[in-house]
Amino acid sequence: MTSTAPPLILCRYDNYEKIVLVAGGIGITPFLALAEDKTDDRPVDLIYCVRDTGSAAHLDDLRQLAAAR
């Protein structure tokens, strides 16, 4: 079995009223940086998929970020 990495798709989100981020596993890292750097008041929904909370990367950082918003 072989696998290749999925393409990284980034788009500008200046024109949207709401931001939705979807990540899985360690793929949360770039989205965490985006969420931390967000400077406007638009709402952000983050959908983060992991097998269990024990395998969630940056979970404490995500909880702190959510509490601060």
N, C-alpha and C. Protein backbone atom coordinates (compact mmCIF):
# COMPACT_ATOMS: atom_id res chain seq x y z
N MET A 1 0.84 -1.16 0.00
CA MET A 1 0.00 0.00 0.00
C MET A 1 0.90 1.23 0.00
N THR A 2 0.55 2.21 -0.80
CA THR A 2 1.28 3.48 -0.80
C THR A 2 0.30 4.62 -0.57
N SER A 3 0.85 5.70 -0.14
CA SER A 3 0.01 6.86 0.14
C SER A 3 0.79 8.12 -0.20
N THR A 4 0.11 9.13 -0.58
CA THR A 4 0.74 10.43 -0.80
C THR A 4 0.03 11.45 0.07
N ALA A 5 0.73 12.50 0.37
CA ALA A 5 0.13 13.56 1.19
C ALA A 5 -0.92 14.30 0.37
N PRO A 6 -2.01 14.67 1.01
CA PRO A 6 -3.02 15.43 0.29
C PRO A 6 -2.48 16.83 -0.01
N PRO A 7 -3.00 17.49 -1.02
CA PRO A 7 -2.52 18.84 -1.31
C PRO A 7 -2.95 19.80 -0.21
N LEU A 8 -2.12 20.76 0.05
CA LEU A 8 -2.46 21.79 1.02
C LEU A 8 -3.18 22.89 0.27
N ILE A 9 -4.39 23.15 0.66
CA ILE A 9 -5.20 24.16 -0.02
C ILE A 9 -5.42 25.31 0.95
N LEU A 10 -4.89 26.43 0.59
CA LEU A 10 -5.09 27.63 1.39
C LEU A 10 -5.81 28.66 0.54
N CYS A 11 -6.72 29.36 1.14
CA CYS A 11 -7.41 30.41 0.41
C CYS A 11 -7.54 31.63 1.31
N ARG A 12 -7.69 32.74 0.70
CA ARG A 12 -7.90 33.96 1.47
C ARG A 12 -9.33 33.93 1.99
N TYR A 13 -9.50 34.38 3.20
CA TYR A 13 -10.83 34.38 3.77
C TYR A 13 -11.27 35.77 4.18
N ASP A 14 -10.75 36.78 3.50
CA ASP A 14 -11.08 38.17 3.81
C ASP A 14 -12.55 38.51 3.56
N ASN A 15 -13.16 37.85 2.60
CA ASN A 15 -14.51 38.24 2.17
C ASN A 15 -15.63 37.43 2.81
N TYR A 16 -15.31 36.62 3.80
CA TYR A 16 -16.33 35.76 4.40
C TYR A 16 -16.71 36.27 5.78
N GLU A 17 -17.99 36.06 6.13
CA GLU A 17 -18.48 36.52 7.44
C GLU A 17 -18.08 35.57 8.56
N LYS A 18 -17.89 34.32 8.24
CA LYS A 18 -17.56 33.30 9.23
C LYS A 18 -16.45 32.42 8.66
N ILE A 19 -15.57 31.94 9.52
CA ILE A 19 -14.47 31.10 9.10
C ILE A 19 -14.68 29.70 9.69
N VAL A 20 -14.57 28.69 8.84
CA VAL A 20 -14.68 27.30 9.28
C VAL A 20 -13.38 26.59 8.93
N LEU A 21 -12.73 26.04 9.95
CA LEU A 21 -11.47 25.31 9.76
C LEU A 21 -11.72 23.84 10.08
N VAL A 22 -11.21 22.95 9.24
CA VAL A 22 -11.37 21.51 9.44
C VAL A 22 -9.98 20.89 9.43
N ALA A 23 -9.65 20.16 10.50
CA ALA A 23 -8.32 19.56 10.61
C ALA A 23 -8.43 18.18 11.25
N GLY A 24 -7.40 17.39 11.02
CA GLY A 24 -7.34 16.07 11.64
C GLY A 24 -5.92 15.77 12.10
N GLY A 25 -5.81 15.17 13.28
CA GLY A 25 -4.51 14.77 13.80
C GLY A 25 -3.56 15.94 13.95
N ILE A 26 -2.30 15.72 13.56
CA ILE A 26 -1.28 16.76 13.68
C ILE A 26 -1.51 17.87 12.67
N GLY A 27 -2.43 17.67 11.73
CA GLY A 27 -2.79 18.70 10.76
C GLY A 27 -3.41 19.93 11.40
N ILE A 28 -3.64 19.89 12.70
CA ILE A 28 -4.19 21.04 13.41
C ILE A 28 -3.18 22.18 13.50
N THR A 29 -1.90 21.88 13.41
CA THR A 29 -0.85 22.88 13.67
C THR A 29 -0.99 24.16 12.85
N PRO A 30 -1.12 24.11 11.52
CA PRO A 30 -1.25 25.38 10.79
C PRO A 30 -2.55 26.11 11.10
N PHE A 31 -3.60 25.35 11.40
CA PHE A 31 -4.87 26.01 11.70
C PHE A 31 -4.85 26.67 13.06
N LEU A 32 -4.12 26.11 13.98
CA LEU A 32 -3.96 26.73 15.29
C LEU A 32 -3.27 28.08 15.13
N ALA A 33 -2.25 28.12 14.30
CA ALA A 33 -1.56 29.38 14.04
C ALA A 33 -2.50 30.40 13.40
N LEU A 34 -3.32 29.97 12.46
CA LEU A 34 -4.29 30.88 11.84
C LEU A 34 -5.27 31.43 12.87
N ALA A 35 -5.77 30.56 13.73
CA ALA A 35 -6.74 30.98 14.74
C ALA A 35 -6.10 31.93 15.76
N GLU A 36 -4.86 31.67 16.14
CA GLU A 36 -4.18 32.54 17.10
C GLU A 36 -3.90 33.92 16.52
N ASP A 37 -3.64 34.00 15.23
CA ASP A 37 -3.30 35.26 14.59
C ASP A 37 -4.50 36.06 14.12
N LYS A 38 -5.68 35.50 14.19
CA LYS A 38 -6.88 36.19 13.73
C LYS A 38 -7.10 37.45 14.56
N THR A 39 -7.28 38.58 13.89
CA THR A 39 -7.38 39.85 14.60
C THR A 39 -8.75 40.51 14.49
N ASP A 40 -9.66 39.93 13.75
CA ASP A 40 -10.98 40.55 13.61
C ASP A 40 -12.01 39.84 14.48
N ASP A 41 -13.25 40.28 14.39
CA ASP A 41 -14.31 39.75 15.26
C ASP A 41 -15.16 38.66 14.60
N ARG A 42 -14.78 38.22 13.42
CA ARG A 42 -15.57 37.18 12.77
C ARG A 42 -15.48 35.88 13.55
N PRO A 43 -16.60 35.16 13.64
CA PRO A 43 -16.57 33.88 14.35
C PRO A 43 -15.77 32.83 13.58
N VAL A 44 -15.17 31.93 14.35
CA VAL A 44 -14.40 30.82 13.78
C VAL A 44 -14.95 29.53 14.35
N ASP A 45 -15.30 28.60 13.49
CA ASP A 45 -15.65 27.25 13.90
C ASP A 45 -14.49 26.35 13.53
N LEU A 46 -14.03 25.57 14.49
CA LEU A 46 -12.94 24.63 14.24
C LEU A 46 -13.47 23.22 14.43
N ILE A 47 -13.36 22.42 13.41
CA ILE A 47 -13.72 21.01 13.48
C ILE A 47 -12.41 20.23 13.47
N TYR A 48 -12.13 19.56 14.59
CA TYR A 48 -10.86 18.86 14.76
C TYR A 48 -11.15 17.39 15.04
N CYS A 49 -10.72 16.53 14.14
CA CYS A 49 -11.00 15.10 14.25
C CYS A 49 -9.77 14.34 14.72
N VAL A 50 -9.94 13.56 15.79
CA VAL A 50 -8.89 12.70 16.31
C VAL A 50 -9.54 11.40 16.79
N ARG A 51 -8.73 10.38 16.97
CA ARG A 51 -9.27 9.09 17.46
C ARG A 51 -9.78 9.21 18.88
N ASP A 52 -9.02 9.91 19.72
CA ASP A 52 -9.42 10.13 21.11
C ASP A 52 -8.65 11.34 21.64
N THR A 53 -9.05 11.86 22.78
CA THR A 53 -8.41 13.06 23.30
C THR A 53 -6.94 12.83 23.63
N GLY A 54 -6.56 11.60 23.92
CA GLY A 54 -5.16 11.30 24.19
C GLY A 54 -4.26 11.48 22.99
N SER A 55 -4.82 11.40 21.81
CA SER A 55 -4.01 11.57 20.59
C SER A 55 -4.17 12.94 19.96
N ALA A 56 -4.88 13.83 20.63
CA ALA A 56 -5.10 15.18 20.11
C ALA A 56 -3.85 16.05 20.33
N ALA A 57 -3.35 16.62 19.28
CA ALA A 57 -2.18 17.51 19.37
C ALA A 57 -2.64 18.91 19.79
N HIS A 58 -1.86 19.56 20.61
CA HIS A 58 -2.11 20.94 21.02
C HIS A 58 -3.44 21.13 21.74
N LEU A 59 -3.93 20.11 22.40
CA LEU A 59 -5.24 20.19 23.03
C LEU A 59 -5.31 21.29 24.09
N ASP A 60 -4.30 21.42 24.92
CA ASP A 60 -4.31 22.47 25.93
C ASP A 60 -4.31 23.86 25.27
N ASP A 61 -3.54 24.02 24.20
CA ASP A 61 -3.51 25.30 23.48
C ASP A 61 -4.89 25.62 22.90
N LEU A 62 -5.54 24.62 22.33
CA LEU A 62 -6.87 24.83 21.75
C LEU A 62 -7.89 25.21 22.82
N ARG A 63 -7.81 24.56 23.96
CA ARG A 63 -8.74 24.89 25.07
C ARG A 63 -8.52 26.31 25.55
N GLN A 64 -7.25 26.72 25.68
CA GLN A 64 -6.97 28.09 26.10
C GLN A 64 -7.45 29.10 25.08
N LEU A 65 -7.26 28.80 23.82
CA LEU A 65 -7.70 29.70 22.77
C LEU A 65 -9.22 29.83 22.76
N ALA A 66 -9.91 28.72 22.94
CA ALA A 66 -11.38 28.75 22.99
C ALA A 66 -11.89 29.54 24.18
N ALA A 67 -11.24 29.39 25.32
CA ALA A 67 -11.67 30.11 26.52
C ALA A 67 -11.44 31.61 26.39
N ALA A 68 -10.41 32.00 25.64
CA ALA A 68 -10.08 33.42 25.49
C ALA A 68 -11.01 34.13 24.51
N ARG A 69 -11.71 33.39 23.68
CA ARG A 69 -12.56 34.01 22.64
C ARG A 69 -13.90 34.32 23.18
